[in-house]
């Protein structure tokens, strides 16, 4: 996960990376092991974030 998030940071230079979907269910377990220069947070909608986003994109 660190390799992927650091690669995203290198390519996109975001201010924040939000983790959603199924990965967000256990975010508290592995968030302390993340070593990324950009702030990484859990999506407030957790697993429902992807479902809601997909539904909104069809409107």
PDB file of N, CA and C in Angstrom:
ATOM      1  N   UNK A   1       0.828  -1.185   0.000  1.00  0.00           N
ATOM      2  CA  UNK A   1       0.000   0.000   0.000  1.00  0.00           C
ATOM      3  C   UNK A   1       0.876   1.255   0.000  1.00  0.00           C
ATOM      4  N   UNK A   2       1.969   1.218   0.773  1.00  0.00           N
ATOM      5  CA  UNK A   2       2.887   2.363   0.798  1.00  0.00           C
ATOM      6  C   UNK A   2       3.468   2.644  -0.578  1.00  0.00           C
ATOM      7  N   UNK A   3       3.873   1.592  -1.278  1.00  0.00           N
ATOM      8  CA  UNK A   3       4.469   1.765  -2.603  1.00  0.00           C
ATOM      9  C   UNK A   3       3.469   2.421  -3.548  1.00  0.00           C
ATOM     10  N   UNK A   4       2.231   1.934  -3.530  1.00  0.00           N
ATOM     11  CA  UNK A   4       1.198   2.465  -4.414  1.00  0.00           C
ATOM     12  C   UNK A   4       0.869   3.922  -4.078  1.00  0.00           C
ATOM     13  N   UNK A   5       0.662   4.216  -2.805  1.00  0.00           N
ATOM     14  CA  UNK A   5       0.305   5.583  -2.408  1.00  0.00           C
ATOM     15  C   UNK A   5       1.450   6.555  -2.682  1.00  0.00           C
ATOM     16  N   UNK A   6       2.677   6.132  -2.460  1.00  0.00           N
ATOM     17  CA  UNK A   6       3.813   6.997  -2.770  1.00  0.00           C
ATOM     18  C   UNK A   6       3.953   7.214  -4.276  1.00  0.00           C
ATOM     19  N   UNK A   7       3.614   6.210  -5.074  1.00  0.00           N
ATOM     20  CA  UNK A   7       3.644   6.367  -6.524  1.00  0.00           C
ATOM     21  C   UNK A   7       2.555   7.349  -6.971  1.00  0.00           C
ATOM     22  N   UNK A   8       1.370   7.244  -6.395  1.00  0.00           N
ATOM     23  CA  UNK A   8       0.304   8.218  -6.693  1.00  0.00           C
ATOM     24  C   UNK A   8       0.751   9.627  -6.326  1.00  0.00           C
ATOM     25  N   UNK A   9       1.395   9.759  -5.188  1.00  0.00           N
ATOM     26  CA  UNK A   9       1.879  11.066  -4.749  1.00  0.00           C
ATOM     27  C   UNK A   9       2.905  11.621  -5.737  1.00  0.00           C
ATOM     28  N   UNK A  10       3.789  10.767  -6.224  1.00  0.00           N
ATOM     29  CA  UNK A  10       4.799  11.192  -7.193  1.00  0.00           C
ATOM     30  C   UNK A  10       4.164  11.649  -8.504  1.00  0.00           C
ATOM     31  N   UNK A  11       3.172  10.902  -8.977  1.00  0.00           N
ATOM     32  CA  UNK A  11       2.541  11.218 -10.262  1.00  0.00           C
ATOM     33  C   UNK A  11       1.600  12.417 -10.201  1.00  0.00           C
ATOM     34  N   UNK A  12       0.808  12.498  -9.135  1.00  0.00           N
ATOM     35  CA  UNK A  12      -0.283  13.477  -9.085  1.00  0.00           C
ATOM     36  C   UNK A  12      -0.061  14.654  -8.141  1.00  0.00           C
ATOM     37  N   UNK A  13       0.829  14.510  -7.169  1.00  0.00           N
ATOM     38  CA  UNK A  13       1.097  15.537  -6.156  1.00  0.00           C
ATOM     39  C   UNK A  13      -0.190  16.062  -5.503  1.00  0.00           C
ATOM     40  N   UNK A  14      -1.019  15.165  -4.967  1.00  0.00           N
ATOM     41  CA  UNK A  14      -2.271  15.629  -4.347  1.00  0.00           C
ATOM     42  C   UNK A  14      -2.009  16.250  -2.963  1.00  0.00           C
ATOM     43  N   UNK A  15      -2.973  17.000  -2.480  1.00  0.00           N
ATOM     44  CA  UNK A  15      -2.907  17.532  -1.124  1.00  0.00           C
ATOM     45  C   UNK A  15      -3.410  16.511  -0.120  1.00  0.00           C
ATOM     46  N   UNK A  16      -4.234  15.585  -0.586  1.00  0.00           N
ATOM     47  CA  UNK A  16      -4.875  14.602   0.286  1.00  0.00           C
ATOM     48  C   UNK A  16      -5.228  13.363  -0.532  1.00  0.00           C
ATOM     49  N   UNK A  17      -5.064  12.192   0.078  1.00  0.00           N
ATOM     50  CA  UNK A  17      -5.516  10.943  -0.535  1.00  0.00           C
ATOM     51  C   UNK A  17      -6.593  10.369   0.373  1.00  0.00           C
ATOM     52  N   UNK A  18      -7.781  10.139  -0.184  1.00  0.00           N
ATOM     53  CA  UNK A  18      -8.875   9.542   0.565  1.00  0.00           C
ATOM     54  C   UNK A  18      -8.969   8.060   0.230  1.00  0.00           C
ATOM     55  N   UNK A  19      -9.054   7.242   1.254  1.00  0.00           N
ATOM     56  CA  UNK A  19      -9.189   5.801   1.081  1.00  0.00           C
ATOM     57  C   UNK A  19     -10.651   5.440   1.291  1.00  0.00           C
ATOM     58  N   UNK A  20     -11.271   4.855   0.292  1.00  0.00           N
ATOM     59  CA  UNK A  20     -12.675   4.464   0.388  1.00  0.00           C
ATOM     60  C   UNK A  20     -12.853   3.026  -0.039  1.00  0.00           C
ATOM     61  N   UNK A  21     -14.072   2.604  -0.145  1.00  0.00           N
ATOM     62  CA  UNK A  21     -14.376   1.243  -0.570  1.00  0.00           C
ATOM     63  C   UNK A  21     -14.067   0.220   0.504  1.00  0.00           C
ATOM     64  N   UNK A  22     -13.856  -1.009   0.078  1.00  0.00           N
ATOM     65  CA  UNK A  22     -13.615  -2.100   1.022  1.00  0.00           C
ATOM     66  C   UNK A  22     -12.379  -1.916   1.867  1.00  0.00           C
ATOM     67  N   UNK A  23     -11.371  -1.229   1.328  1.00  0.00           N
ATOM     68  CA  UNK A  23     -10.131  -1.004   2.069  1.00  0.00           C
ATOM     69  C   UNK A  23     -10.381  -0.136   3.304  1.00  0.00           C
ATOM     70  N   UNK A  24     -11.363   0.718   3.227  1.00  0.00           N
ATOM     71  CA  UNK A  24     -11.618   1.655   4.323  1.00  0.00           C
ATOM     72  C   UNK A  24     -12.194   0.988   5.571  1.00  0.00           C
ATOM     73  N   UNK A  25     -12.714  -0.220   5.421  1.00  0.00           N
ATOM     74  CA  UNK A  25     -13.302  -0.910   6.582  1.00  0.00           C
ATOM     75  C   UNK A  25     -12.290  -1.120   7.696  1.00  0.00           C
ATOM     76  N   UNK A  26     -11.063  -1.460   7.335  1.00  0.00           N
ATOM     77  CA  UNK A  26     -10.021  -1.750   8.319  1.00  0.00           C
ATOM     78  C   UNK A  26      -8.915  -0.708   8.307  1.00  0.00           C
ATOM     79  N   UNK A  27      -9.229   0.502   7.918  1.00  0.00           N
ATOM     80  CA  UNK A  27      -8.224   1.555   7.786  1.00  0.00           C
ATOM     81  C   UNK A  27      -7.481   1.803   9.101  1.00  0.00           C
ATOM     82  N   UNK A  28      -8.182   1.736  10.221  1.00  0.00           N
ATOM     83  CA  UNK A  28      -7.551   1.985  11.517  1.00  0.00           C
ATOM     84  C   UNK A  28      -6.455   0.974  11.840  1.00  0.00           C
ATOM     85  N   UNK A  29      -6.574  -0.230  11.307  1.00  0.00           N
ATOM     86  CA  UNK A  29      -5.589  -1.272  11.591  1.00  0.00           C
ATOM     87  C   UNK A  29      -4.249  -1.018  10.909  1.00  0.00           C
ATOM     88  N   UNK A  30      -4.269  -0.467   9.704  1.00  0.00           N
ATOM     89  CA  UNK A  30      -3.013  -0.304   8.982  1.00  0.00           C
ATOM     90  C   UNK A  30      -2.605   1.144   8.749  1.00  0.00           C
ATOM     91  N   UNK A  31      -3.427   2.114   9.128  1.00  0.00           N
ATOM     92  CA  UNK A  31      -3.085   3.513   8.876  1.00  0.00           C
ATOM     93  C   UNK A  31      -1.805   3.930   9.595  1.00  0.00           C
ATOM     94  N   UNK A  32      -1.546   3.347  10.749  1.00  0.00           N
ATOM     95  CA  UNK A  32      -0.338   3.719  11.498  1.00  0.00           C
ATOM     96  C   UNK A  32       0.934   3.213  10.821  1.00  0.00           C
ATOM     97  N   UNK A  33       0.815   2.286   9.872  1.00  0.00           N
ATOM     98  CA  UNK A  33       1.971   1.753   9.162  1.00  0.00           C
ATOM     99  C   UNK A  33       2.245   2.461   7.838  1.00  0.00           C
ATOM    100  N   UNK A  34       1.351   3.363   7.448  1.00  0.00           N
ATOM    101  CA  UNK A  34       1.538   4.079   6.193  1.00  0.00           C
ATOM    102  C   UNK A  34       2.630   5.127   6.342  1.00  0.00           C
ATOM    103  N   UNK A  35       3.511   5.173   5.374  1.00  0.00           N
ATOM    104  CA  UNK A  35       4.606   6.127   5.361  1.00  0.00           C
ATOM    105  C   UNK A  35       4.546   6.893   4.040  1.00  0.00           C
ATOM    106  N   UNK A  36       3.644   7.855   4.005  1.00  0.00           N
ATOM    107  CA  UNK A  36       3.397   8.634   2.802  1.00  0.00           C
ATOM    108  C   UNK A  36       3.552  10.104   3.155  1.00  0.00           C
ATOM    109  N   UNK A  37       4.168  10.880   2.266  1.00  0.00           N
ATOM    110  CA  UNK A  37       4.419  12.292   2.551  1.00  0.00           C
ATOM    111  C   UNK A  37       3.161  13.148   2.503  1.00  0.00           C
ATOM    112  N   UNK A  38       2.140  12.661   1.838  1.00  0.00           N
ATOM    113  CA  UNK A  38       0.879  13.391   1.744  1.00  0.00           C
ATOM    114  C   UNK A  38      -0.095  12.831   2.786  1.00  0.00           C
ATOM    115  N   UNK A  39      -1.028  13.653   3.222  1.00  0.00           N
ATOM    116  CA  UNK A  39      -2.008  13.226   4.215  1.00  0.00           C
ATOM    117  C   UNK A  39      -2.947  12.169   3.617  1.00  0.00           C
ATOM    118  N   UNK A  40      -3.160  11.082   4.359  1.00  0.00           N
ATOM    119  CA  UNK A  40      -4.041   9.995   3.928  1.00  0.00           C
ATOM    120  C   UNK A  40      -5.146   9.856   4.972  1.00  0.00           C
ATOM    121  N   UNK A  41      -6.395   9.919   4.517  1.00  0.00           N
ATOM    122  CA  UNK A  41      -7.538   9.823   5.425  1.00  0.00           C
ATOM    123  C   UNK A  41      -8.523   8.777   4.924  1.00  0.00           C
ATOM    124  N   UNK A  42      -9.355   8.345   5.830  1.00  0.00           N
ATOM    125  CA  UNK A  42     -10.419   7.398   5.546  1.00  0.00           C
ATOM    126  C   UNK A  42     -11.654   8.149   5.059  1.00  0.00           C
ATOM    127  N   UNK A  43     -12.291   7.652   4.014  1.00  0.00           N
ATOM    128  CA  UNK A  43     -13.517   8.279   3.516  1.00  0.00           C
ATOM    129  C   UNK A  43     -14.621   8.150   4.562  1.00  0.00           C
ATOM    130  N   UNK A  44     -15.372   9.195   4.759  1.00  0.00           N
ATOM    131  CA  UNK A  44     -16.416   9.184   5.791  1.00  0.00           C
ATOM    132  C   UNK A  44     -17.544   8.204   5.461  1.00  0.00           C
ATOM    133  N   UNK A  45     -17.714   7.876   4.171  1.00  0.00           N
ATOM    134  CA  UNK A  45     -18.774   6.947   3.779  1.00  0.00           C
ATOM    135  C   UNK A  45     -18.307   5.492   3.767  1.00  0.00           C
ATOM    136  N   UNK A  46     -17.020   5.269   4.087  1.00  0.00           N
ATOM    137  CA  UNK A  46     -16.428   3.933   4.157  1.00  0.00           C
ATOM    138  C   UNK A  46     -16.712   3.135   2.886  1.00  0.00           C
ATOM    139  N   UNK A  47     -17.276   1.957   3.014  1.00  0.00           N
ATOM    140  CA  UNK A  47     -17.504   1.069   1.885  1.00  0.00           C
ATOM    141  C   UNK A  47     -18.574   1.598   0.929  1.00  0.00           C
ATOM    142  N   UNK A  48     -19.433   2.460   1.395  1.00  0.00           N
ATOM    143  CA  UNK A  48     -20.503   2.990   0.552  1.00  0.00           C
ATOM    144  C   UNK A  48     -20.028   4.104  -0.380  1.00  0.00           C
ATOM    145  N   UNK A  49     -18.811   4.584  -0.211  1.00  0.00           N
ATOM    146  CA  UNK A  49     -18.306   5.682  -1.025  1.00  0.00           C
ATOM    147  C   UNK A  49     -18.316   5.327  -2.511  1.00  0.00           C
ATOM    148  N   UNK A  50     -17.844   4.152  -2.861  1.00  0.00           N
ATOM    149  CA  UNK A  50     -17.815   3.740  -4.266  1.00  0.00           C
ATOM    150  C   UNK A  50     -19.204   3.567  -4.852  1.00  0.00           C
ATOM    151  N   UNK A  51     -20.118   3.038  -4.070  1.00  0.00           N
ATOM    152  CA  UNK A  51     -21.486   2.831  -4.526  1.00  0.00           C
ATOM    153  C   UNK A  51     -22.159   4.172  -4.797  1.00  0.00           C
ATOM    154  N   UNK A  52     -22.012   5.098  -3.882  1.00  0.00           N
ATOM    155  CA  UNK A  52     -22.628   6.419  -4.035  1.00  0.00           C
ATOM    156  C   UNK A  52     -21.986   7.171  -5.194  1.00  0.00           C
ATOM    157  N   UNK A  53     -20.658   7.077  -5.311  1.00  0.00           N
ATOM    158  CA  UNK A  53     -19.970   7.748  -6.417  1.00  0.00           C
ATOM    159  C   UNK A  53     -20.400   7.210  -7.763  1.00  0.00           C
ATOM    160  N   UNK A  54     -20.556   5.898  -7.870  1.00  0.00           N
ATOM    161  CA  UNK A  54     -21.003   5.302  -9.130  1.00  0.00           C
ATOM    162  C   UNK A  54     -22.427   5.727  -9.456  1.00  0.00           C
ATOM    163  N   UNK A  55     -23.271   5.782  -8.458  1.00  0.00           N
ATOM    164  CA  UNK A  55     -24.669   6.195  -8.673  1.00  0.00           C
ATOM    165  C   UNK A  55     -24.724   7.653  -9.112  1.00  0.00           C
ATOM    166  N   UNK A  56     -23.886   8.494  -8.532  1.00  0.00           N
ATOM    167  CA  UNK A  56     -23.899   9.914  -8.891  1.00  0.00           C
ATOM    168  C   UNK A  56     -23.339  10.155 -10.286  1.00  0.00           C
ATOM    169  N   UNK A  57     -22.437   9.310 -10.735  1.00  0.00           N
ATOM    170  CA  UNK A  57     -21.845   9.516 -12.052  1.00  0.00           C
ATOM    171  C   UNK A  57     -22.813   9.173 -13.181  1.00  0.00           C
ATOM    172  N   UNK A  58     -23.870   8.434 -12.883  1.00  0.00           N
ATOM    173  CA  UNK A  58     -24.839   8.070 -13.915  1.00  0.00           C
ATOM    174  C   UNK A  58     -25.955   9.096 -14.030  1.00  0.00           C
ATOM    175  N   UNK A  59     -25.982  10.057 -13.140  1.00  0.00           N
ATOM    176  CA  UNK A  59     -27.054  11.062 -13.148  1.00  0.00           C
ATOM    177  C   UNK A  59     -26.757  12.139 -14.149  1.00  0.00           C
TER     178      UNK A  59
END
